[in-house]
PDB file of N, CA and C in Angstrom:
ATOM      1  N   MET A   1       1.045  -1.328   0.083  1.00  0.00           N
ATOM      2  CA  MET A   1      -0.055  -0.014  -0.228  1.00  0.00           C
ATOM      3  C   MET A   1       0.462   1.159  -0.166  1.00  0.00           C
ATOM      4  N   PRO A   2       0.853   1.795  -0.935  1.00  0.00           N
ATOM      5  CA  PRO A   2       1.924   3.267  -1.170  1.00  0.00           C
ATOM      6  C   PRO A   2       0.856   4.169  -0.209  1.00  0.00           C
ATOM      7  N   ILE A   3       2.004   5.125  -0.023  1.00  0.00           N
ATOM      8  CA  ILE A   3       2.215   6.935   1.146  1.00  0.00           C
ATOM      9  C   ILE A   3       1.998   7.496   0.500  1.00  0.00           C
ATOM     10  N   TYR A   4       1.111   8.594  -0.081  1.00  0.00           N
ATOM     11  CA  TYR A   4       1.515   9.611  -0.620  1.00  0.00           C
ATOM     12  C   TYR A   4       1.633  10.950  -0.006  1.00  0.00           C
ATOM     13  N   GLU A   5       2.682  12.047  -0.376  1.00  0.00           N
ATOM     14  CA  GLU A   5       2.005  13.005   0.246  1.00  0.00           C
ATOM     15  C   GLU A   5       0.984  13.762  -0.304  1.00  0.00           C
ATOM     16  N   PHE A   6       0.561  15.245   0.884  1.00  0.00           N
ATOM     17  CA  PHE A   6      -0.611  15.862   0.258  1.00  0.00           C
ATOM     18  C   PHE A   6      -0.418  16.798   0.858  1.00  0.00           C
ATOM     19  N   GLU A   7       0.045  18.508   0.132  1.00  0.00           N
ATOM     20  CA  GLU A   7      -0.347  19.274   0.471  1.00  0.00           C
ATOM     21  C   GLU A   7      -1.989  20.487   0.101  1.00  0.00           C
ATOM     22  N   CYS A   8      -2.652  20.635   1.529  1.00  0.00           N
ATOM     23  CA  CYS A   8      -3.730  21.172   1.388  1.00  0.00           C
ATOM     24  C   CYS A   8      -3.800  23.025   0.445  1.00  0.00           C
ATOM     25  N   SER A   9      -5.067  23.017  -0.097  1.00  0.00           N
ATOM     26  CA  SER A   9      -4.517  24.313  -0.995  1.00  0.00           C
ATOM     27  C   SER A   9      -5.128  25.246   0.153  1.00  0.00           C
ATOM     28  N   LYS A  10      -5.571  25.178   1.380  1.00  0.00           N
ATOM     29  CA  LYS A  10      -6.483  26.240   1.812  1.00  0.00           C
ATOM     30  C   LYS A  10      -5.308  26.731   2.764  1.00  0.00           C
ATOM     31  N   CYS A  11      -4.773  25.737   3.860  1.00  0.00           N
ATOM     32  CA  CYS A  11      -3.865  25.407   5.109  1.00  0.00           C
ATOM     33  C   CYS A  11      -2.497  26.016   5.194  1.00  0.00           C
ATOM     34  N   LYS A  12      -2.555  25.350   3.412  1.00  0.00           N
ATOM     35  CA  LYS A  12      -0.869  24.806   3.164  1.00  0.00           C
ATOM     36  C   LYS A  12      -0.325  23.973   3.930  1.00  0.00           C
ATOM     37  N   ASN A  13      -1.478  22.750   4.817  1.00  0.00           N
ATOM     38  CA  ASN A  13      -0.599  21.807   5.708  1.00  0.00           C
ATOM     39  C   ASN A  13      -0.411  21.317   4.683  1.00  0.00           C
ATOM     40  N   VAL A  14       0.758  20.158   4.542  1.00  0.00           N
ATOM     41  CA  VAL A  14       1.626  18.640   4.555  1.00  0.00           C
ATOM     42  C   VAL A  14       1.298  17.897   5.602  1.00  0.00           C
ATOM     43  N   PHE A  15       0.358  16.500   4.423  1.00  0.00           N
ATOM     44  CA  PHE A  15       0.218  15.694   5.032  1.00  0.00           C
ATOM     45  C   PHE A  15       0.365  14.090   4.319  1.00  0.00           C
ATOM     46  N   GLU A  16       0.318  13.107   5.085  1.00  0.00           N
ATOM     47  CA  GLU A  16       0.470  12.194   4.148  1.00  0.00           C
ATOM     48  C   GLU A  16      -0.851  11.275   4.777  1.00  0.00           C
ATOM     49  N   ALA A  17      -1.292  10.173   2.994  1.00  0.00           N
ATOM     50  CA  ALA A  17      -2.183   9.483   3.537  1.00  0.00           C
ATOM     51  C   ALA A  17      -1.476   8.000   2.562  1.00  0.00           C
ATOM     52  N   LEU A  18      -2.251   6.578   3.179  1.00  0.00           N
ATOM     53  CA  LEU A  18      -2.248   6.346   3.064  1.00  0.00           C
ATOM     54  C   LEU A  18      -3.185   5.399   2.315  1.00  0.00           C
ATOM     55  N   PHE A  19      -2.627   4.389   0.698  1.00  0.00           N
ATOM     56  CA  PHE A  19      -3.600   3.848   0.244  1.00  0.00           C
ATOM     57  C   PHE A  19      -3.865   2.633  -0.405  1.00  0.00           C
ATOM     58  N   THR A  20      -5.260   1.771  -0.401  1.00  0.00           N
ATOM     59  CA  THR A  20      -5.065   0.716  -0.966  1.00  0.00           C
ATOM     60  C   THR A  20      -5.223   1.360  -2.988  1.00  0.00           C
ATOM     61  N   SER A  21      -4.602   0.135  -3.632  1.00  0.00           N
ATOM     62  CA  SER A  21      -5.043   0.109  -4.697  1.00  0.00           C
ATOM     63  C   SER A  21      -6.540   0.990  -5.758  1.00  0.00           C
ATOM     64  N   ARG A  22      -7.140   0.722  -5.169  1.00  0.00           N
ATOM     65  CA  ARG A  22      -8.375   1.086  -5.305  1.00  0.00           C
ATOM     66  C   ARG A  22      -9.129   2.522  -5.094  1.00  0.00           C
ATOM     67  N   ASP A  23      -8.406   3.233  -4.110  1.00  0.00           N
ATOM     68  CA  ASP A  23      -8.460   4.040  -3.287  1.00  0.00           C
ATOM     69  C   ASP A  23      -8.017   5.464  -4.067  1.00  0.00           C
ATOM     70  N   ASP A  24      -7.509   4.967  -5.044  1.00  0.00           N
ATOM     71  CA  ASP A  24      -6.370   5.907  -5.445  1.00  0.00           C
ATOM     72  C   ASP A  24      -7.562   7.301  -6.443  1.00  0.00           C
ATOM     73  N   LYS A  25      -8.627   7.269  -6.322  1.00  0.00           N
ATOM     74  CA  LYS A  25      -8.826   8.371  -7.087  1.00  0.00           C
ATOM     75  C   LYS A  25     -10.302   9.224  -5.915  1.00  0.00           C
ATOM     76  N   VAL A  26     -10.081   8.572  -4.644  1.00  0.00           N
ATOM     77  CA  VAL A  26     -10.451   9.658  -3.602  1.00  0.00           C
ATOM     78  C   VAL A  26     -10.161  10.555  -3.244  1.00  0.00           C
ATOM     79  N   LYS A  27     -11.008  11.528  -3.054  1.00  0.00           N
ATOM     80  CA  LYS A  27     -10.601  12.760  -2.954  1.00  0.00           C
ATOM     81  C   LYS A  27     -10.405  13.251  -1.485  1.00  0.00           C
ATOM     82  N   VAL A  28      -9.161  13.196  -0.766  1.00  0.00           N
ATOM     83  CA  VAL A  28      -8.043  13.475  -0.156  1.00  0.00           C
ATOM     84  C   VAL A  28      -8.494  15.020   1.723  1.00  0.00           C
ATOM     85  N   ALA A  29      -9.249  14.930   2.189  1.00  0.00           N
ATOM     86  CA  ALA A  29      -9.686  15.952   2.886  1.00  0.00           C
ATOM     87  C   ALA A  29      -7.830  15.760   4.251  1.00  0.00           C
ATOM     88  N   CYS A  30      -8.166  17.238   4.116  1.00  0.00           N
ATOM     89  CA  CYS A  30      -7.016  18.245   4.940  1.00  0.00           C
ATOM     90  C   CYS A  30      -6.776  17.507   6.817  1.00  0.00           C
ATOM     91  N   PRO A  31      -6.474  16.687   7.248  1.00  0.00           N
ATOM     92  CA  PRO A  31      -6.367  16.549   8.734  1.00  0.00           C
ATOM     93  C   PRO A  31      -6.976  17.543   9.317  1.00  0.00           C
ATOM     94  N   VAL A  32      -5.902  19.126   9.294  1.00  0.00           N
ATOM     95  CA  VAL A  32      -6.050  19.883  10.603  1.00  0.00           C
ATOM     96  C   VAL A  32      -7.444  21.066   9.703  1.00  0.00           C
ATOM     97  N   CYS A  33      -7.744  21.281   8.275  1.00  0.00           N
ATOM     98  CA  CYS A  33      -9.176  21.735   8.305  1.00  0.00           C
ATOM     99  C   CYS A  33     -10.205  21.374   7.420  1.00  0.00           C
ATOM    100  N   ASN A  34      -9.964  20.156   7.431  1.00  0.00           N
ATOM    101  CA  ASN A  34     -11.224  19.877   7.006  1.00  0.00           C
ATOM    102  C   ASN A  34     -11.073  19.652   4.875  1.00  0.00           C
ATOM    103  N   SER A  35     -10.953  20.755   4.279  1.00  0.00           N
ATOM    104  CA  SER A  35     -11.043  20.829   2.865  1.00  0.00           C
ATOM    105  C   SER A  35      -9.986  19.972   2.406  1.00  0.00           C
ATOM    106  N   LYS A  36     -11.256  19.893   0.733  1.00  0.00           N
ATOM    107  CA  LYS A  36     -10.541  18.618  -0.094  1.00  0.00           C
ATOM    108  C   LYS A  36     -10.477  19.075  -1.049  1.00  0.00           C
ATOM    109  N   ARG A  37      -9.902  20.662  -0.533  1.00  0.00           N
ATOM    110  CA  ARG A  37      -8.895  21.385  -1.727  1.00  0.00           C
ATOM    111  C   ARG A  37      -7.413  21.005  -1.522  1.00  0.00           C
ATOM    112  N   THR A  38      -7.123  19.308  -2.053  1.00  0.00           N
ATOM    113  CA  THR A  38      -5.541  19.092  -1.966  1.00  0.00           C
ATOM    114  C   THR A  38      -5.161  18.349  -2.978  1.00  0.00           C
ATOM    115  N   LYS A  39      -3.646  18.621  -3.175  1.00  0.00           N
ATOM    116  CA  LYS A  39      -2.874  18.386  -4.345  1.00  0.00           C
ATOM    117  C   LYS A  39      -1.412  17.191  -3.951  1.00  0.00           C
ATOM    118  N   LYS A  40      -1.713  16.023  -4.903  1.00  0.00           N
ATOM    119  CA  LYS A  40      -0.727  15.249  -4.389  1.00  0.00           C
ATOM    120  C   LYS A  40       0.464  15.562  -5.116  1.00  0.00           C
ATOM    121  N   LEU A  41       1.198  15.581  -4.141  1.00  0.00           N
ATOM    122  CA  LEU A  41       2.589  16.039  -3.727  1.00  0.00           C
ATOM    123  C   LEU A  41       3.926  15.374  -4.384  1.00  0.00           C
ATOM    124  N   MET A  42       5.141  15.154  -5.290  1.00  0.00           N
ATOM    125  CA  MET A  42       6.170  14.660  -5.431  1.00  0.00           C
ATOM    126  C   MET A  42       7.171  14.142  -4.527  1.00  0.00           C
ATOM    127  N   SER A  43       7.101  13.385  -3.753  1.00  0.00           N
ATOM    128  CA  SER A  43       7.987  12.649  -2.979  1.00  0.00           C
ATOM    129  C   SER A  43       9.240  12.568  -3.185  1.00  0.00           C
ATOM    130  N   THR A  44      10.954  12.959  -2.257  1.00  0.00           N
ATOM    131  CA  THR A  44      11.639  12.221  -2.569  1.00  0.00           C
ATOM    132  C   THR A  44      11.595  10.164  -2.302  1.00  0.00           C
ATOM    133  N   PHE A  45      12.560   9.901  -3.341  1.00  0.00           N
ATOM    134  CA  PHE A  45      12.887   8.402  -2.271  1.00  0.00           C
ATOM    135  C   PHE A  45      13.335   8.655  -1.194  1.00  0.00           C
ATOM    136  N   GLY A  46      12.614   7.485  -0.570  1.00  0.00           N
ATOM    137  CA  GLY A  46      13.669   7.025   0.742  1.00  0.00           C
ATOM    138  C   GLY A  46      14.462   5.472  -0.237  1.00  0.00           C
ATOM    139  N   GLY A  47      15.871   5.907   0.338  1.00  0.00           N
ATOM    140  CA  GLY A  47      16.547   3.867   0.763  1.00  0.00           C
ATOM    141  C   GLY A  47      17.647   4.400   1.160  1.00  0.00           C
ATOM    142  N   LYS A  48      18.288   3.546   1.000  1.00  0.00           N
ATOM    143  CA  LYS A  48      19.781   3.237   1.217  1.00  0.00           C
ATOM    144  C   LYS A  48      21.112   2.641  -0.095  1.00  0.00           C
ATOM    145  N   PHE A  49      21.541   3.675  -0.267  1.00  0.00           N
ATOM    146  CA  PHE A  49      22.522   3.083  -1.206  1.00  0.00           C
ATOM    147  C   PHE A  49      23.724   2.438  -0.306  1.00  0.00           C
ATOM    148  N   GLY A  50      24.493   1.936  -1.698  1.00  0.00           N
ATOM    149  CA  GLY A  50      25.511   1.083  -0.492  1.00  0.00           C
ATOM    150  C   GLY A  50      25.586  -0.891  -0.545  1.00  0.00           C
ATOM    151  N   ASN A  51      26.796  -0.864  -0.156  1.00  0.00           N
ATOM    152  CA  ASN A  51      26.765  -2.342   0.627  1.00  0.00           C
ATOM    153  C   ASN A  51      27.094  -2.252   1.857  1.00  0.00           C
ATOM    154  N   ALA A  52      26.033  -2.223   2.735  1.00  0.00           N
ATOM    155  CA  ALA A  52      26.482  -2.351   4.267  1.00  0.00           C
ATOM    156  C   ALA A  52      27.143  -3.591   4.518  1.00  0.00           C
ATOM    157  N   SER A  53      27.124  -4.459   3.917  1.00  0.00           N
ATOM    158  CA  SER A  53      27.485  -5.583   4.492  1.00  0.00           C
ATOM    159  C   SER A  53      29.364  -5.636   5.049  1.00  0.00           C
ATOM    160  N   SER A  54      29.886  -4.623   4.495  1.00  0.00           N
ATOM    161  CA  SER A  54      30.981  -4.365   5.092  1.00  0.00           C
ATOM    162  C   SER A  54      31.090  -4.279   6.250  1.00  0.00           C
ATOM    163  N   GLY A  55      30.591  -3.233   7.039  1.00  0.00           N
ATOM    164  CA  GLY A  55      30.160  -3.031   7.913  1.00  0.00           C
ATOM    165  C   GLY A  55      31.070  -1.625   8.387  1.00  0.00           C
ATOM    166  N   GLY A  56      30.310  -0.706   9.044  1.00  0.00           N
ATOM    167  CA  GLY A  56      30.419   0.792   9.774  1.00  0.00           C
ATOM    168  C   GLY A  56      30.683   1.607   8.682  1.00  0.00           C
ATOM    169  N   GLY A  57      29.669   1.605   7.235  1.00  0.00           N
ATOM    170  CA  GLY A  57      30.310   2.164   6.098  1.00  0.00           C
ATOM    171  C   GLY A  57      29.148   3.244   6.204  1.00  0.00           C
ATOM    172  N   CYS A  58      28.287   2.823   6.914  1.00  0.00           N
ATOM    173  CA  CYS A  58      27.311   4.158   7.186  1.00  0.00           C
ATOM    174  C   CYS A  58      27.378   5.220   8.017  1.00  0.00           C
ATOM    175  N   ASN A  59      28.234   4.909   9.139  1.00  0.00           N
ATOM    176  CA  ASN A  59      28.536   5.829   9.773  1.00  0.00           C
ATOM    177  C   ASN A  59      27.229   6.355  10.401  1.00  0.00           C
ATOM    178  N   THR A  60      25.951   5.797  10.707  1.00  0.00           N
ATOM    179  CA  THR A  60      24.969   6.444  11.471  1.00  0.00           C
ATOM    180  C   THR A  60      24.863   5.559  12.702  1.00  0.00           C
ATOM    181  N   CYS A  61      25.721   4.449  13.498  1.00  0.00           N
ATOM    182  CA  CYS A  61      25.182   4.039  15.095  1.00  0.00           C
ATOM    183  C   CYS A  61      27.366   3.621  15.203  1.00  0.00           C
ATOM    184  N   ALA A  62      26.553   3.383  16.249  1.00  0.00           N
ATOM    185  CA  ALA A  62      27.943   2.633  16.679  1.00  0.00           C
ATOM    186  C   ALA A  62      27.918   0.914  16.344  1.00  0.00           C
ATOM    187  N   ALA A  63      27.090   0.310  15.648  1.00  0.00           N
ATOM    188  CA  ALA A  63      27.380  -0.892  15.289  1.00  0.00           C
ATOM    189  C   ALA A  63      27.868  -1.330  13.803  1.00  0.00           C
ATOM    190  N   THR A  64      28.831  -2.531  14.022  1.00  0.00           N
ATOM    191  CA  THR A  64      29.829  -2.623  13.249  1.00  0.00           C
ATOM    192  C   THR A  64      29.124  -3.073  11.597  1.00  0.00           C
ATOM    193  N   SER A  65      27.822  -3.661  12.111  1.00  0.00           N
ATOM    194  CA  SER A  65      27.369  -4.114  10.575  1.00  0.00           C
ATOM    195  C   SER A  65      25.676  -3.475  10.620  1.00  0.00           C
ATOM    196  N   CYS A  66      24.833  -3.751   9.803  1.00  0.00           N
ATOM    197  CA  CYS A  66      23.434  -3.321   9.230  1.00  0.00           C
ATOM    198  C   CYS A  66      22.325  -4.363   9.466  1.00  0.00           C
ATOM    199  N   GLY A  67      23.131  -5.798   9.792  1.00  0.00           N
ATOM    200  CA  GLY A  67      22.272  -7.057   9.882  1.00  0.00           C
ATOM    201  C   GLY A  67      21.451  -6.915  10.732  1.00  0.00           C
ATOM    202  N   THR A  68      20.167  -8.066  10.976  1.00  0.00           N
ATOM    203  CA  THR A  68      19.067  -7.790  12.137  1.00  0.00           C
ATOM    204  C   THR A  68      19.756  -8.741  12.900  1.00  0.00           C
ATOM    205  N   THR A  69      19.654  -8.871  14.359  1.00  0.00           N
ATOM    206  CA  THR A  69      19.911  -9.235  15.444  1.00  0.00           C
ATOM    207  C   THR A  69      19.388 -10.251  16.192  1.00  0.00           C
TER     208      THR A  69
END
């Protein structure tokens, strides 16, 4: 199920909404002002690049590898 990011045209609030594939045509209401004048935003891709199996390459924690425990 994809998560889409929206912006409200009325109050400029940016929020996310979870969709099933059949819900793509549904109008999304802003959770702040309840307006249905929202537009889907282009989101950046979130992911991890590179080979983490060598250990210590990402420098985001003290672990020596990124494997599950």
